[in-house]
Amino acid sequence: MEVRAVNHIAIICTDYVLAKEFYVHKLGMEVVAETERVDRNDVKLDLKYGDLMFEIFIKPDAPQRVSYPEAAGLRHISFATDNIEKDVDYLRSVGIKVEDIRRDELNQQKMTFFFDPDGLPLELHE
C-alpha cells in the first residue's frame, strides 16, 4: 500500500447553522459543494482548508460524542501554525473558547485546544 496524502477528513455535526458558522465563517474554510441528502437526513458540506479537504456531515439526530472518558477512535485534529498567539487571539475575537497556550510535554512545542460546536477537539500546534 502506498499512501501519498490525506484525501479528506470527515466530521459529523448536529446543527447546520452552528457548523457552517464555525467551520466556514469563523475558521475560514471554503465551501466547495453543499449537498442535501434527504434519504440520509443530512447535509454534506465539502470544504477546502489550505491543502486539506473536509467533509462536514450535518446530522441532527447523531448521538453525542463521548469525550470524558475518551472513547476509542479519532482523538482530535491538529492544525500547524506559525504564530499560535495570533491565531488564539483571532479565535477568541470571534467568540471561540480556547484553552491557554501550553507546551507539549514531549516535544516542548506550543499548543492549545479549542472545540467545534459538537465538542470535537481541535488543536493548534506551533
N, C-alpha and C. Protein backbone atom coordinates (compact mmCIF):
# COMPACT_ATOMS: atom_id res chain seq x y z
N MET A 1 0.85 -1.17 0.00
CA MET A 1 0.00 0.00 0.00
C MET A 1 0.90 1.24 0.00
N GLU A 2 0.60 2.16 -0.87
CA GLU A 2 1.35 3.41 -0.92
C GLU A 2 0.39 4.59 -0.79
N VAL A 3 0.48 5.28 0.32
CA VAL A 3 -0.35 6.45 0.55
C VAL A 3 0.51 7.69 0.37
N ARG A 4 0.00 8.68 -0.35
CA ARG A 4 0.80 9.88 -0.59
C ARG A 4 0.28 11.10 0.14
N ALA A 5 -0.97 11.06 0.63
CA ALA A 5 -1.52 12.23 1.33
C ALA A 5 -2.84 11.84 1.98
N VAL A 6 -3.30 12.69 2.88
CA VAL A 6 -4.65 12.54 3.43
C VAL A 6 -5.62 13.06 2.37
N ASN A 7 -6.63 12.28 2.01
CA ASN A 7 -7.59 12.71 0.99
C ASN A 7 -8.59 13.70 1.57
N HIS A 8 -9.18 13.35 2.71
CA HIS A 8 -10.11 14.26 3.37
C HIS A 8 -10.30 13.82 4.82
N ILE A 9 -10.89 14.71 5.60
CA ILE A 9 -11.24 14.44 6.99
C ILE A 9 -12.75 14.63 7.08
N ALA A 10 -13.45 13.64 7.62
CA ALA A 10 -14.90 13.71 7.74
C ALA A 10 -15.29 13.95 9.20
N ILE A 11 -16.22 14.88 9.40
CA ILE A 11 -16.69 15.24 10.73
C ILE A 11 -18.21 15.24 10.72
N ILE A 12 -18.81 14.68 11.76
CA ILE A 12 -20.27 14.72 11.90
C ILE A 12 -20.63 15.80 12.91
N CYS A 13 -21.51 16.69 12.50
CA CYS A 13 -22.03 17.76 13.35
C CYS A 13 -23.55 17.60 13.45
N THR A 14 -24.15 18.28 14.41
CA THR A 14 -25.60 18.12 14.60
C THR A 14 -26.41 19.35 14.23
N ASP A 15 -25.80 20.51 14.11
CA ASP A 15 -26.54 21.74 13.86
C ASP A 15 -25.96 22.45 12.64
N TYR A 16 -26.76 22.56 11.58
CA TYR A 16 -26.30 23.15 10.31
C TYR A 16 -25.79 24.57 10.50
N VAL A 17 -26.58 25.42 11.16
CA VAL A 17 -26.22 26.82 11.31
C VAL A 17 -24.93 26.97 12.11
N LEU A 18 -24.83 26.27 13.24
CA LEU A 18 -23.63 26.36 14.08
C LEU A 18 -22.40 25.80 13.37
N ALA A 19 -22.56 24.67 12.68
CA ALA A 19 -21.43 24.05 11.98
C ALA A 19 -20.92 24.95 10.86
N LYS A 20 -21.83 25.50 10.07
CA LYS A 20 -21.40 26.35 8.97
C LYS A 20 -20.78 27.64 9.50
N GLU A 21 -21.36 28.21 10.52
CA GLU A 21 -20.80 29.42 11.14
C GLU A 21 -19.38 29.14 11.63
N PHE A 22 -19.19 28.02 12.31
CA PHE A 22 -17.89 27.68 12.89
C PHE A 22 -16.84 27.38 11.81
N TYR A 23 -17.13 26.41 10.96
CA TYR A 23 -16.11 25.95 10.01
C TYR A 23 -15.90 26.90 8.84
N VAL A 24 -16.96 27.53 8.35
CA VAL A 24 -16.83 28.41 7.18
C VAL A 24 -16.54 29.85 7.60
N HIS A 25 -17.40 30.41 8.43
CA HIS A 25 -17.28 31.83 8.73
C HIS A 25 -16.21 32.15 9.77
N LYS A 26 -16.00 31.29 10.75
CA LYS A 26 -15.01 31.57 11.78
C LYS A 26 -13.64 31.00 11.45
N LEU A 27 -13.57 29.72 11.02
CA LEU A 27 -12.28 29.14 10.68
C LEU A 27 -11.83 29.49 9.27
N GLY A 28 -12.77 29.89 8.42
CA GLY A 28 -12.39 30.32 7.08
C GLY A 28 -12.28 29.23 6.04
N MET A 29 -12.93 28.10 6.26
CA MET A 29 -12.91 27.05 5.24
C MET A 29 -13.78 27.48 4.07
N GLU A 30 -13.38 27.07 2.88
CA GLU A 30 -14.07 27.44 1.64
C GLU A 30 -15.07 26.34 1.25
N VAL A 31 -16.32 26.74 1.00
CA VAL A 31 -17.33 25.77 0.56
C VAL A 31 -17.07 25.40 -0.90
N VAL A 32 -16.84 24.11 -1.13
CA VAL A 32 -16.64 23.59 -2.48
C VAL A 32 -17.97 23.07 -3.01
N ALA A 33 -18.75 22.42 -2.15
CA ALA A 33 -20.06 21.88 -2.53
C ALA A 33 -20.90 21.73 -1.27
N GLU A 34 -22.20 21.84 -1.46
CA GLU A 34 -23.16 21.62 -0.38
C GLU A 34 -24.28 20.75 -0.94
N THR A 35 -24.51 19.62 -0.29
CA THR A 35 -25.47 18.65 -0.80
C THR A 35 -26.44 18.25 0.30
N GLU A 36 -27.73 18.47 0.07
CA GLU A 36 -28.75 17.98 0.99
C GLU A 36 -29.09 16.56 0.58
N ARG A 37 -29.00 15.63 1.52
CA ARG A 37 -29.28 14.22 1.24
C ARG A 37 -30.49 13.81 2.07
N VAL A 38 -31.66 13.99 1.48
CA VAL A 38 -32.93 13.75 2.17
C VAL A 38 -33.03 12.31 2.64
N ASP A 39 -32.59 11.36 1.82
CA ASP A 39 -32.68 9.94 2.17
C ASP A 39 -31.85 9.59 3.41
N ARG A 40 -30.83 10.40 3.71
CA ARG A 40 -29.98 10.15 4.88
C ARG A 40 -30.22 11.16 6.00
N ASN A 41 -31.15 12.06 5.80
CA ASN A 41 -31.47 13.11 6.78
C ASN A 41 -30.22 13.89 7.20
N ASP A 42 -29.42 14.28 6.18
CA ASP A 42 -28.26 15.09 6.50
C ASP A 42 -27.93 16.06 5.37
N VAL A 43 -27.02 16.96 5.66
CA VAL A 43 -26.45 17.87 4.67
C VAL A 43 -24.95 17.63 4.70
N LYS A 44 -24.35 17.55 3.52
CA LYS A 44 -22.90 17.35 3.42
C LYS A 44 -22.27 18.62 2.86
N LEU A 45 -21.32 19.16 3.63
CA LEU A 45 -20.54 20.30 3.17
C LEU A 45 -19.14 19.80 2.79
N ASP A 46 -18.74 20.02 1.57
CA ASP A 46 -17.36 19.75 1.16
C ASP A 46 -16.61 21.07 1.29
N LEU A 47 -15.57 21.07 2.14
CA LEU A 47 -14.86 22.29 2.46
C LEU A 47 -13.38 22.14 2.18
N LYS A 48 -12.78 23.22 1.71
CA LYS A 48 -11.33 23.25 1.47
C LYS A 48 -10.71 24.17 2.51
N TYR A 49 -9.58 23.72 3.09
CA TYR A 49 -8.87 24.47 4.12
C TYR A 49 -7.39 24.33 3.84
N GLY A 50 -6.81 25.29 3.16
CA GLY A 50 -5.44 25.14 2.70
C GLY A 50 -5.37 23.99 1.72
N ASP A 51 -4.51 23.03 1.99
CA ASP A 51 -4.40 21.85 1.13
C ASP A 51 -5.28 20.71 1.60
N LEU A 52 -6.05 20.92 2.67
CA LEU A 52 -6.89 19.86 3.23
C LEU A 52 -8.32 19.97 2.72
N MET A 53 -8.95 18.82 2.59
CA MET A 53 -10.39 18.76 2.28
C MET A 53 -11.11 18.18 3.50
N PHE A 54 -12.23 18.78 3.84
CA PHE A 54 -13.08 18.32 4.92
C PHE A 54 -14.45 17.99 4.38
N GLU A 55 -15.05 16.93 4.89
CA GLU A 55 -16.46 16.62 4.65
C GLU A 55 -17.16 16.81 5.99
N ILE A 56 -18.05 17.78 6.04
CA ILE A 56 -18.82 18.03 7.24
C ILE A 56 -20.22 17.49 6.98
N PHE A 57 -20.60 16.49 7.76
CA PHE A 57 -21.94 15.91 7.64
C PHE A 57 -22.78 16.47 8.78
N ILE A 58 -23.86 17.15 8.46
CA ILE A 58 -24.73 17.68 9.50
C ILE A 58 -25.91 16.73 9.64
N LYS A 59 -25.93 16.01 10.78
CA LYS A 59 -26.95 15.01 11.07
C LYS A 59 -27.60 15.39 12.39
N PRO A 60 -28.79 16.00 12.36
CA PRO A 60 -29.42 16.46 13.60
C PRO A 60 -29.65 15.37 14.64
N ASP A 61 -29.78 14.12 14.20
CA ASP A 61 -30.08 13.04 15.13
C ASP A 61 -28.85 12.19 15.50
N ALA A 62 -27.65 12.68 15.19
CA ALA A 62 -26.44 11.93 15.52
C ALA A 62 -26.26 11.88 17.04
N PRO A 63 -25.83 10.74 17.58
CA PRO A 63 -25.58 10.68 19.02
C PRO A 63 -24.42 11.59 19.42
N GLN A 64 -24.44 12.03 20.65
CA GLN A 64 -23.40 12.91 21.16
C GLN A 64 -22.06 12.18 21.24
N ARG A 65 -20.99 12.90 20.96
CA ARG A 65 -19.64 12.36 21.01
C ARG A 65 -19.25 12.08 22.46
N VAL A 66 -18.61 10.93 22.68
CA VAL A 66 -18.11 10.60 24.00
C VAL A 66 -16.73 11.21 24.16
N SER A 67 -16.56 12.07 25.16
CA SER A 67 -15.27 12.73 25.37
C SER A 67 -14.66 12.45 26.74
N TYR A 68 -15.49 12.30 27.74
CA TYR A 68 -14.98 12.13 29.11
C TYR A 68 -15.69 10.97 29.77
N PRO A 69 -15.12 9.77 29.85
CA PRO A 69 -13.78 9.45 29.39
C PRO A 69 -13.73 9.34 27.87
N GLU A 70 -12.54 9.49 27.30
CA GLU A 70 -12.39 9.40 25.85
C GLU A 70 -12.69 7.98 25.38
N ALA A 71 -13.34 7.91 24.23
CA ALA A 71 -13.65 6.62 23.62
C ALA A 71 -12.59 6.30 22.56
N ALA A 72 -12.56 5.06 22.15
CA ALA A 72 -11.64 4.65 21.09
C ALA A 72 -12.00 5.37 19.81
N GLY A 73 -11.02 5.58 18.96
CA GLY A 73 -11.25 6.23 17.68
C GLY A 73 -10.46 7.52 17.56
N LEU A 74 -10.83 8.34 16.61
CA LEU A 74 -10.15 9.60 16.37
C LEU A 74 -10.17 10.45 17.63
N ARG A 75 -9.01 10.94 18.03
CA ARG A 75 -8.93 11.72 19.26
C ARG A 75 -9.12 13.22 18.98
N HIS A 76 -8.38 13.76 18.02
CA HIS A 76 -8.53 15.17 17.66
C HIS A 76 -7.86 15.42 16.32
N ILE A 77 -8.07 16.62 15.79
CA ILE A 77 -7.41 17.08 14.58
C ILE A 77 -6.49 18.22 14.99
N SER A 78 -5.26 18.21 14.50
CA SER A 78 -4.29 19.22 14.87
C SER A 78 -3.88 20.03 13.64
N PHE A 79 -3.93 21.35 13.78
CA PHE A 79 -3.53 22.25 12.70
C PHE A 79 -2.18 22.87 13.04
N ALA A 80 -1.26 22.87 12.09
CA ALA A 80 0.04 23.50 12.27
C ALA A 80 -0.11 25.01 12.06
N THR A 81 0.57 25.78 12.89
CA THR A 81 0.55 27.22 12.78
C THR A 81 1.94 27.78 13.02
N ASP A 82 2.21 28.93 12.43
CA ASP A 82 3.49 29.60 12.64
C ASP A 82 3.42 30.65 13.73
N ASN A 83 2.18 31.01 14.14
CA ASN A 83 2.01 32.06 15.15
C ASN A 83 0.79 31.73 16.01
N ILE A 84 0.99 30.90 16.99
CA ILE A 84 -0.13 30.41 17.80
C ILE A 84 -0.80 31.54 18.58
N GLU A 85 -0.03 32.50 19.06
CA GLU A 85 -0.62 33.61 19.82
C GLU A 85 -1.60 34.40 18.94
N LYS A 86 -1.19 34.69 17.71
CA LYS A 86 -2.05 35.43 16.78
C LYS A 86 -3.33 34.63 16.49
N ASP A 87 -3.19 33.33 16.27
CA ASP A 87 -4.36 32.50 15.96
C ASP A 87 -5.29 32.38 17.16
N VAL A 88 -4.75 32.26 18.35
CA VAL A 88 -5.57 32.20 19.56
C VAL A 88 -6.32 33.52 19.74
N ASP A 89 -5.63 34.64 19.53
CA ASP A 89 -6.30 35.94 19.63
C ASP A 89 -7.45 36.04 18.64
N TYR A 90 -7.23 35.56 17.40
CA TYR A 90 -8.30 35.59 16.41
C TYR A 90 -9.48 34.72 16.84
N LEU A 91 -9.21 33.48 17.23
CA LEU A 91 -10.30 32.59 17.63
C LEU A 91 -11.12 33.19 18.76
N ARG A 92 -10.45 33.76 19.73
CA ARG A 92 -11.16 34.39 20.85
C ARG A 92 -11.95 35.60 20.38
N SER A 93 -11.43 36.34 19.41
CA SER A 93 -12.14 37.53 18.92
C SER A 93 -13.43 37.19 18.19
N VAL A 94 -13.55 35.96 17.68
CA VAL A 94 -14.79 35.54 17.01
C VAL A 94 -15.64 34.67 17.93
N GLY A 95 -15.32 34.66 19.22
CA GLY A 95 -16.17 34.00 20.20
C GLY A 95 -15.91 32.53 20.43
N ILE A 96 -14.78 32.02 19.99
CA ILE A 96 -14.45 30.62 20.20
C ILE A 96 -13.62 30.51 21.48
N LYS A 97 -14.07 29.66 22.39
CA LYS A 97 -13.33 29.43 23.63
C LYS A 97 -12.09 28.60 23.31
N VAL A 98 -10.94 29.10 23.77
CA VAL A 98 -9.66 28.44 23.52
C VAL A 98 -8.97 28.24 24.86
N GLU A 99 -8.41 27.06 25.05
CA GLU A 99 -7.63 26.82 26.26
C GLU A 99 -6.36 27.66 26.24
N ASP A 100 -5.74 27.84 27.38
CA ASP A 100 -4.48 28.56 27.45
C ASP A 100 -3.41 27.83 26.65
N ILE A 101 -2.49 28.58 26.08
CA ILE A 101 -1.36 28.00 25.35
C ILE A 101 -0.43 27.34 26.37
N ARG A 102 0.02 26.15 26.02
CA ARG A 102 0.96 25.44 26.88
C ARG A 102 2.00 24.75 26.00
N ARG A 103 2.95 24.12 26.61
CA ARG A 103 3.99 23.40 25.87
C ARG A 103 3.69 21.90 25.91
N ASP A 104 3.79 21.27 24.74
CA ASP A 104 3.65 19.82 24.64
C ASP A 104 4.74 19.20 25.52
N GLU A 105 4.35 18.34 26.43
CA GLU A 105 5.32 17.78 27.38
C GLU A 105 6.38 16.91 26.73
N LEU A 106 6.13 16.41 25.53
CA LEU A 106 7.10 15.54 24.87
C LEU A 106 8.08 16.29 23.96
N ASN A 107 7.56 17.29 23.22
CA ASN A 107 8.46 17.98 22.28
C ASN A 107 8.65 19.46 22.61
N GLN A 108 8.00 19.94 23.65
CA GLN A 108 8.11 21.32 24.12
C GLN A 108 7.60 22.37 23.14
N GLN A 109 6.86 21.95 22.11
CA GLN A 109 6.27 22.91 21.17
C GLN A 109 5.01 23.51 21.78
N LYS A 110 4.71 24.75 21.39
CA LYS A 110 3.49 25.41 21.88
C LYS A 110 2.27 24.75 21.26
N MET A 111 1.21 24.62 22.08
CA MET A 111 -0.02 24.01 21.59
C MET A 111 -1.20 24.45 22.46
N THR A 112 -2.38 24.30 21.90
CA THR A 112 -3.61 24.55 22.64
C THR A 112 -4.76 23.84 21.95
N PHE A 113 -5.88 23.76 22.65
CA PHE A 113 -7.08 23.14 22.09
C PHE A 113 -8.24 24.13 22.08
N PHE A 114 -9.10 23.96 21.09
CA PHE A 114 -10.40 24.60 21.04
C PHE A 114 -11.36 23.54 20.53
N PHE A 115 -12.66 23.82 20.55
CA PHE A 115 -13.65 22.77 20.27
C PHE A 115 -14.69 23.27 19.29
N ASP A 116 -15.14 22.37 18.41
CA ASP A 116 -16.22 22.74 17.49
C ASP A 116 -17.54 22.73 18.26
N PRO A 117 -18.65 23.15 17.63
CA PRO A 117 -19.93 23.23 18.35
C PRO A 117 -20.42 21.92 18.95
N ASP A 118 -19.93 20.78 18.43
CA ASP A 118 -20.33 19.48 18.98
C ASP A 118 -19.27 18.88 19.90
N GLY A 119 -18.28 19.68 20.27
CA GLY A 119 -17.29 19.21 21.23
C GLY A 119 -16.08 18.49 20.65
N LEU A 120 -15.94 18.45 19.33
CA LEU A 120 -14.77 17.80 18.74
C LEU A 120 -13.53 18.64 19.06
N PRO A 121 -12.51 18.04 19.69
CA PRO A 121 -11.30 18.81 20.00
C PRO A 121 -10.51 19.11 18.74
N LEU A 122 -10.10 20.35 18.62
CA LEU A 122 -9.23 20.79 17.53
C LEU A 122 -8.01 21.42 18.18
N GLU A 123 -6.85 21.13 17.66
CA GLU A 123 -5.60 21.58 18.26
C GLU A 123 -4.88 22.55 17.34
N LEU A 124 -4.23 23.53 17.93
CA LEU A 124 -3.26 24.36 17.23
C LEU A 124 -1.90 23.97 17.77
N HIS A 125 -0.94 23.77 16.87
CA HIS A 125 0.40 23.32 17.27
C HIS A 125 1.42 24.15 16.52
N GLU A 126 2.32 24.79 17.27
CA GLU A 126 3.35 25.62 16.63
C GLU A 126 4.69 24.91 16.74
